[in-house]
């Protein structure tokens, strides 16, 4: 405990690394869910909504507006298969920044209830709660992926072992070894609950 000022940030770092690994695993499964086939006679939402302007737009406002349009189409696709549950939108920091600068999502002069230029935040677009992830690239099956709209039923996560941390002294290195473990399983549950947003047509 005498080294708390050193161990505390290392412990936080262990938690952050575990969280990032879990995030990457979930995004990979969401990507697979977008193009998976559901149970027989169960309607599937369109796998991918394509809008090239998300990448080709010359200004952040154009790209943000294109992303907003795609989100509306994706949420509409979910509702067409009778999925009216709370939707979430996962985007990377670049797309998030474009959404904030969209003239359709937030107020440019002050912070409205949905966010603003001054805070650099946007809460919802098209009825979907927005959050950032650095792991969209893990959805490798979606070409030109820019976002994923989903509801919580799309992917299931099972905890096999809760977070466990250990602190052991290594006599060979005259140092304290800190380690963390977290065992989970993740898989596709309902493909009709997930729609990807991309800037290019899928091959």
C-alpha atoms as a PDB file:
ATOM      1  CA  UNK A   1       0.000   0.000   0.000  1.00  0.00           C
ATOM      2  CA  UNK A   2       3.017   2.288   0.391  1.00  0.00           C
ATOM      3  CA  UNK A   3       3.253   2.479  -3.414  1.00  0.00           C
ATOM      4  CA  UNK A   4      -0.444   3.370  -3.919  1.00  0.00           C
ATOM      5  CA  UNK A   5       0.402   6.417  -6.034  1.00  0.00           C
ATOM      6  CA  UNK A   6       2.190   4.087  -8.477  1.00  0.00           C
ATOM      7  CA  UNK A   7      -0.127   1.088  -8.314  1.00  0.00           C
ATOM      8  CA  UNK A   8      -3.383   3.032  -8.713  1.00  0.00           C
ATOM      9  CA  UNK A   9      -2.712   4.225 -12.299  1.00  0.00           C
ATOM     10  CA  UNK A  10      -1.377   0.783 -13.247  1.00  0.00           C
ATOM     11  CA  UNK A  11      -4.569  -0.817 -11.920  1.00  0.00           C
ATOM     12  CA  UNK A  12      -6.622   1.669 -13.921  1.00  0.00           C
ATOM     13  CA  UNK A  13      -4.566   0.802 -16.982  1.00  0.00           C
ATOM     14  CA  UNK A  14      -5.269  -2.910 -16.514  1.00  0.00           C
ATOM     15  CA  UNK A  15      -9.005  -2.167 -16.359  1.00  0.00           C
ATOM     16  CA  UNK A  16      -8.783  -0.017 -19.473  1.00  0.00           C
ATOM     17  CA  UNK A  17      -6.943  -2.709 -21.439  1.00  0.00           C
ATOM     18  CA  UNK A  18      -9.534  -5.323 -20.462  1.00  0.00           C
ATOM     19  CA  UNK A  19     -12.381  -2.968 -21.412  1.00  0.00           C
ATOM     20  CA  UNK A  20     -10.824  -2.267 -24.810  1.00  0.00           C
ATOM     21  CA  UNK A  21     -10.410  -5.989 -25.478  1.00  0.00           C
ATOM     22  CA  UNK A  22     -14.073  -6.611 -24.625  1.00  0.00           C
ATOM     23  CA  UNK A  23     -15.161  -3.689 -26.825  1.00  0.00           C
ATOM     24  CA  UNK A  24     -13.193  -5.080 -29.780  1.00  0.00           C
ATOM     25  CA  UNK A  25     -14.719  -8.542 -29.322  1.00  0.00           C
ATOM     26  CA  UNK A  26     -18.271  -7.161 -29.210  1.00  0.00           C
ATOM     27  CA  UNK A  27     -17.761  -4.960 -32.295  1.00  0.00           C
ATOM     28  CA  UNK A  28     -16.436  -7.976 -34.222  1.00  0.00           C
ATOM     29  CA  UNK A  29     -19.582  -9.937 -33.367  1.00  0.00           C
ATOM     30  CA  UNK A  30     -21.830  -6.978 -34.254  1.00  0.00           C
ATOM     31  CA  UNK A  31     -20.179  -6.904 -37.673  1.00  0.00           C
ATOM     32  CA  UNK A  32     -20.944 -10.595 -38.130  1.00  0.00           C
ATOM     33  CA  UNK A  33     -24.520 -10.073 -36.905  1.00  0.00           C
ATOM     34  CA  UNK A  34     -25.149  -7.487 -39.623  1.00  0.00           C
ATOM     35  CA  UNK A  35     -24.680 -10.079 -42.356  1.00  0.00           C
ATOM     36  CA  UNK A  36     -25.867 -13.184 -40.520  1.00  0.00           C
ATOM     37  CA  UNK A  37     -29.111 -14.985 -41.298  1.00  0.00           C
ATOM     38  CA  UNK A  38     -31.711 -15.182 -38.571  1.00  0.00           C
ATOM     39  CA  UNK A  39     -33.990 -18.039 -37.570  1.00  0.00           C
ATOM     40  CA  UNK A  40     -36.211 -19.411 -40.342  1.00  0.00           C
ATOM     41  CA  UNK A  41     -39.220 -17.136 -41.023  1.00  0.00           C
ATOM     42  CA  UNK A  42     -37.671 -14.449 -38.810  1.00  0.00           C
ATOM     43  CA  UNK A  43     -37.330 -11.181 -40.768  1.00  0.00           C
ATOM     44  CA  UNK A  44     -33.827  -9.805 -41.221  1.00  0.00           C
ATOM     45  CA  UNK A  45     -33.035  -6.101 -41.302  1.00  0.00           C
ATOM     46  CA  UNK A  46     -30.929  -4.930 -44.280  1.00  0.00           C
ATOM     47  CA  UNK A  47     -27.311  -5.832 -43.560  1.00  0.00           C
ATOM     48  CA  UNK A  48     -25.691  -2.554 -44.610  1.00  0.00           C
ATOM     49  CA  UNK A  49     -26.837   1.006 -45.301  1.00  0.00           C
ATOM     50  CA  UNK A  50     -24.461   2.663 -47.796  1.00  0.00           C
ATOM     51  CA  UNK A  51     -23.840   6.406 -48.109  1.00  0.00           C
ATOM     52  CA  UNK A  52     -20.649   7.361 -49.981  1.00  0.00           C
ATOM     53  CA  UNK A  53     -20.798  11.000 -48.864  1.00  0.00           C
ATOM     54  CA  UNK A  54     -19.801   9.919 -45.343  1.00  0.00           C
ATOM     55  CA  UNK A  55     -16.269   9.614 -46.734  1.00  0.00           C
ATOM     56  CA  UNK A  56     -16.339  11.799 -49.841  1.00  0.00           C
ATOM     57  CA  UNK A  57     -17.984  14.884 -48.317  1.00  0.00           C
ATOM     58  CA  UNK A  58     -15.769  17.953 -48.580  1.00  0.00           C
ATOM     59  CA  UNK A  59     -16.785  19.431 -45.224  1.00  0.00           C
ATOM     60  CA  UNK A  60     -17.457  18.012 -41.784  1.00  0.00           C
ATOM     61  CA  UNK A  61     -21.032  19.272 -42.053  1.00  0.00           C
ATOM     62  CA  UNK A  62     -21.602  17.349 -45.293  1.00  0.00           C
ATOM     63  CA  UNK A  63     -20.104  14.171 -43.847  1.00  0.00           C
ATOM     64  CA  UNK A  64     -22.058  14.594 -40.613  1.00  0.00           C
ATOM     65  CA  UNK A  65     -25.324  15.145 -42.460  1.00  0.00           C
ATOM     66  CA  UNK A  66     -24.666  12.048 -44.579  1.00  0.00           C
ATOM     67  CA  UNK A  67     -24.011  10.002 -41.446  1.00  0.00           C
ATOM     68  CA  UNK A  68     -27.225  11.336 -39.863  1.00  0.00           C
ATOM     69  CA  UNK A  69     -29.197  10.316 -42.957  1.00  0.00           C
ATOM     70  CA  UNK A  70     -27.691   6.828 -42.831  1.00  0.00           C
ATOM     71  CA  UNK A  71     -28.550   6.498 -39.134  1.00  0.00           C
ATOM     72  CA  UNK A  72     -32.184   7.384 -39.834  1.00  0.00           C
ATOM     73  CA  UNK A  73     -32.298   4.713 -42.558  1.00  0.00           C
ATOM     74  CA  UNK A  74     -30.695   2.154 -40.246  1.00  0.00           C
ATOM     75  CA  UNK A  75     -33.112   2.801 -37.382  1.00  0.00           C
ATOM     76  CA  UNK A  76     -36.012   2.681 -39.846  1.00  0.00           C
ATOM     77  CA  UNK A  77     -34.722  -0.712 -41.031  1.00  0.00           C
ATOM     78  CA  UNK A  78     -34.836  -1.983 -37.456  1.00  0.00           C
ATOM     79  CA  UNK A  79     -38.409  -0.772 -37.008  1.00  0.00           C
ATOM     80  CA  UNK A  80     -39.471  -2.440 -40.257  1.00  0.00           C
ATOM     81  CA  UNK A  81     -38.788  -5.796 -38.635  1.00  0.00           C
ATOM     82  CA  UNK A  82     -40.780  -4.770 -35.527  1.00  0.00           C
ATOM     83  CA  UNK A  83     -37.712  -3.941 -33.464  1.00  0.00           C
ATOM     84  CA  UNK A  84     -38.723  -0.900 -31.434  1.00  0.00           C
ATOM     85  CA  UNK A  85     -36.229  -1.416 -28.638  1.00  0.00           C
ATOM     86  CA  UNK A  86     -33.705   1.254 -27.657  1.00  0.00           C
ATOM     87  CA  UNK A  87     -31.142   1.648 -30.419  1.00  0.00           C
ATOM     88  CA  UNK A  88     -27.440   2.455 -30.090  1.00  0.00           C
ATOM     89  CA  UNK A  89     -25.019   3.899 -32.618  1.00  0.00           C
ATOM     90  CA  UNK A  90     -21.316   3.032 -32.468  1.00  0.00           C
ATOM     91  CA  UNK A  91     -18.999   5.322 -34.451  1.00  0.00           C
ATOM     92  CA  UNK A  92     -15.295   6.096 -34.394  1.00  0.00           C
ATOM     93  CA  UNK A  93     -14.060   9.493 -33.111  1.00  0.00           C
ATOM     94  CA  UNK A  94     -13.808  10.944 -36.644  1.00  0.00           C
ATOM     95  CA  UNK A  95     -17.455  10.200 -37.473  1.00  0.00           C
ATOM     96  CA  UNK A  96     -18.474  11.415 -34.019  1.00  0.00           C
ATOM     97  CA  UNK A  97     -16.743  14.745 -34.665  1.00  0.00           C
ATOM     98  CA  UNK A  98     -18.540  15.033 -38.019  1.00  0.00           C
ATOM     99  CA  UNK A  99     -21.904  14.334 -36.367  1.00  0.00           C
ATOM    100  CA  UNK A 100     -21.318  17.099 -33.827  1.00  0.00           C
ATOM    101  CA  UNK A 101     -20.672  19.521 -36.704  1.00  0.00           C
ATOM    102  CA  UNK A 102     -23.771  18.395 -38.579  1.00  0.00           C
ATOM    103  CA  UNK A 103     -26.446  21.079 -38.803  1.00  0.00           C
ATOM    104  CA  UNK A 104     -29.088  18.418 -38.144  1.00  0.00           C
ATOM    105  CA  UNK A 105     -27.894  16.913 -34.880  1.00  0.00           C
ATOM    106  CA  UNK A 106     -26.904  19.810 -32.611  1.00  0.00           C
ATOM    107  CA  UNK A 107     -27.227  23.559 -32.211  1.00  0.00           C
ATOM    108  CA  UNK A 108     -24.326  25.585 -33.629  1.00  0.00           C
ATOM    109  CA  UNK A 109     -24.834  28.501 -31.254  1.00  0.00           C
ATOM    110  CA  UNK A 110     -25.448  26.927 -27.885  1.00  0.00           C
ATOM    111  CA  UNK A 111     -25.852  23.597 -26.201  1.00  0.00           C
ATOM    112  CA  UNK A 112     -29.320  22.212 -26.731  1.00  0.00           C
ATOM    113  CA  UNK A 113     -30.665  19.143 -24.992  1.00  0.00           C
ATOM    114  CA  UNK A 114     -28.947  16.983 -27.601  1.00  0.00           C
ATOM    115  CA  UNK A 115     -25.481  18.563 -27.439  1.00  0.00           C
ATOM    116  CA  UNK A 116     -23.644  21.409 -29.139  1.00  0.00           C
ATOM    117  CA  UNK A 117     -20.487  22.868 -30.634  1.00  0.00           C
ATOM    118  CA  UNK A 118     -19.303  24.172 -27.271  1.00  0.00           C
ATOM    119  CA  UNK A 119     -19.349  20.746 -25.587  1.00  0.00           C
ATOM    120  CA  UNK A 120     -18.370  18.760 -28.679  1.00  0.00           C
ATOM    121  CA  UNK A 121     -21.000  16.181 -27.828  1.00  0.00           C
ATOM    122  CA  UNK A 122     -24.103  14.725 -29.419  1.00  0.00           C
ATOM    123  CA  UNK A 123     -26.375  12.406 -27.462  1.00  0.00           C
ATOM    124  CA  UNK A 124     -28.828  10.989 -29.997  1.00  0.00           C
ATOM    125  CA  UNK A 125     -29.280  10.797 -33.757  1.00  0.00           C
ATOM    126  CA  UNK A 126     -32.363   9.286 -35.340  1.00  0.00           C
ATOM    127  CA  UNK A 127     -33.449   7.874 -31.998  1.00  0.00           C
ATOM    128  CA  UNK A 128     -30.142   6.053 -31.442  1.00  0.00           C
ATOM    129  CA  UNK A 129     -27.857   6.807 -28.508  1.00  0.00           C
ATOM    130  CA  UNK A 130     -24.410   7.726 -29.837  1.00  0.00           C
ATOM    131  CA  UNK A 131     -21.115   6.517 -28.392  1.00  0.00           C
ATOM    132  CA  UNK A 132     -17.547   6.292 -29.619  1.00  0.00           C
ATOM    133  CA  UNK A 133     -15.383   3.243 -30.177  1.00  0.00           C
ATOM    134  CA  UNK A 134     -11.888   2.804 -31.564  1.00  0.00           C
ATOM    135  CA  UNK A 135     -12.586  -0.735 -32.709  1.00  0.00           C
ATOM    136  CA  UNK A 136     -14.893  -0.487 -35.740  1.00  0.00           C
ATOM    137  CA  UNK A 137     -12.067  -1.963 -37.819  1.00  0.00           C
ATOM    138  CA  UNK A 138     -12.600  -5.264 -35.976  1.00  0.00           C
ATOM    139  CA  UNK A 139     -15.838  -5.700 -37.959  1.00  0.00           C
ATOM    140  CA  UNK A 140     -13.671  -6.918 -40.836  1.00  0.00           C
ATOM    141  CA  UNK A 141     -16.553  -8.370 -42.851  1.00  0.00           C
ATOM    142  CA  UNK A 142     -18.061  -4.911 -43.534  1.00  0.00           C
ATOM    143  CA  UNK A 143     -16.188  -2.962 -46.216  1.00  0.00           C
ATOM    144  CA  UNK A 144     -15.807   0.774 -45.550  1.00  0.00           C
ATOM    145  CA  UNK A 145     -17.593   0.517 -42.204  1.00  0.00           C
ATOM    146  CA  UNK A 146     -18.455   3.867 -40.603  1.00  0.00           C
ATOM    147  CA  UNK A 147     -20.874   2.884 -37.870  1.00  0.00           C
ATOM    148  CA  UNK A 148     -23.164   0.211 -36.449  1.00  0.00           C
ATOM    149  CA  UNK A 149     -26.748   0.718 -35.306  1.00  0.00           C
ATOM    150  CA  UNK A 150     -27.994  -2.037 -33.021  1.00  0.00           C
ATOM    151  CA  UNK A 151     -30.204  -2.968 -30.109  1.00  0.00           C
ATOM    152  CA  UNK A 152     -29.021  -4.963 -27.113  1.00  0.00           C
ATOM    153  CA  UNK A 153     -30.530  -8.197 -28.444  1.00  0.00           C
ATOM    154  CA  UNK A 154     -28.079  -8.347 -31.371  1.00  0.00           C
ATOM    155  CA  UNK A 155     -25.167  -9.888 -29.480  1.00  0.00           C
ATOM    156  CA  UNK A 156     -24.945 -11.851 -26.260  1.00  0.00           C
ATOM    157  CA  UNK A 157     -22.124 -11.645 -23.738  1.00  0.00           C
ATOM    158  CA  UNK A 158     -21.519 -14.341 -21.135  1.00  0.00           C
ATOM    159  CA  UNK A 159     -19.169 -13.836 -18.205  1.00  0.00           C
ATOM    160  CA  UNK A 160     -17.171 -16.939 -17.473  1.00  0.00           C
ATOM    161  CA  UNK A 161     -14.885 -15.414 -14.850  1.00  0.00           C
ATOM    162  CA  UNK A 162     -15.164 -12.005 -13.216  1.00  0.00           C
ATOM    163  CA  UNK A 163     -12.316  -9.520 -13.246  1.00  0.00           C
ATOM    164  CA  UNK A 164      -9.436 -10.875 -11.192  1.00  0.00           C
ATOM    165  CA  UNK A 165      -6.282  -8.956 -10.392  1.00  0.00           C
ATOM    166  CA  UNK A 166      -3.141 -10.277  -8.758  1.00  0.00           C
ATOM    167  CA  UNK A 167      -0.094  -8.620  -7.276  1.00  0.00           C
ATOM    168  CA  UNK A 168       3.001 -10.788  -6.911  1.00  0.00           C
ATOM    169  CA  UNK A 169       6.574  -9.934  -6.124  1.00  0.00           C
ATOM    170  CA  UNK A 170       9.046 -11.224  -8.741  1.00  0.00           C
ATOM    171  CA  UNK A 171      12.310 -12.012  -6.961  1.00  0.00           C
ATOM    172  CA  UNK A 172      14.132 -12.486 -10.260  1.00  0.00           C
ATOM    173  CA  UNK A 173      13.420  -8.929 -11.347  1.00  0.00           C
ATOM    174  CA  UNK A 174      13.140  -7.320  -7.911  1.00  0.00           C
ATOM    175  CA  UNK A 175       9.802  -5.886  -9.002  1.00  0.00           C
ATOM    176  CA  UNK A 176       6.100  -6.277  -8.352  1.00  0.00           C
ATOM    177  CA  UNK A 177       4.112  -7.985 -11.105  1.00  0.00           C
ATOM    178  CA  UNK A 178       0.474  -6.868 -11.483  1.00  0.00           C
ATOM    179  CA  UNK A 179      -1.859  -8.831 -13.730  1.00  0.00           C
ATOM    180  CA  UNK A 180      -5.565  -8.906 -14.559  1.00  0.00           C
ATOM    181  CA  UNK A 181      -7.857 -11.546 -16.082  1.00  0.00           C
ATOM    182  CA  UNK A 182     -11.428 -11.536 -17.341  1.00  0.00           C
ATOM    183  CA  UNK A 183     -12.988 -14.502 -19.164  1.00  0.00           C
ATOM    184  CA  UNK A 184     -16.022 -13.896 -21.376  1.00  0.00           C
ATOM    185  CA  UNK A 185     -17.837 -15.441 -24.299  1.00  0.00           C
ATOM    186  CA  UNK A 186     -19.582 -13.469 -27.042  1.00  0.00           C
ATOM    187  CA  UNK A 187     -21.853 -14.508 -29.905  1.00  0.00           C
ATOM    188  CA  UNK A 188     -24.567 -13.374 -32.321  1.00  0.00           C
ATOM    189  CA  UNK A 189     -28.123 -13.657 -30.965  1.00  0.00           C
ATOM    190  CA  UNK A 190     -30.508 -11.831 -33.334  1.00  0.00           C
ATOM    191  CA  UNK A 191     -29.116 -10.620 -36.684  1.00  0.00           C
ATOM    192  CA  UNK A 192     -32.244  -8.555 -37.358  1.00  0.00           C
ATOM    193  CA  UNK A 193     -31.254  -6.283 -34.465  1.00  0.00           C
ATOM    194  CA  UNK A 194     -28.115  -4.906 -36.130  1.00  0.00           C
ATOM    195  CA  UNK A 195     -27.470  -2.739 -39.220  1.00  0.00           C
ATOM    196  CA  UNK A 196     -24.057  -1.508 -40.370  1.00  0.00           C
ATOM    197  CA  UNK A 197     -23.378   1.870 -41.982  1.00  0.00           C
ATOM    198  CA  UNK A 198     -20.711   1.939 -44.699  1.00  0.00           C
ATOM    199  CA  UNK A 199     -19.316   4.358 -47.269  1.00  0.00           C
ATOM    200  CA  UNK A 200     -18.838   1.734 -49.972  1.00  0.00           C
ATOM    201  CA  UNK A 201     -20.979  -0.932 -51.604  1.00  0.00           C
ATOM    202  CA  UNK A 202     -20.259  -4.424 -50.307  1.00  0.00           C
ATOM    203  CA  UNK A 203     -18.660  -6.839 -52.759  1.00  0.00           C
END
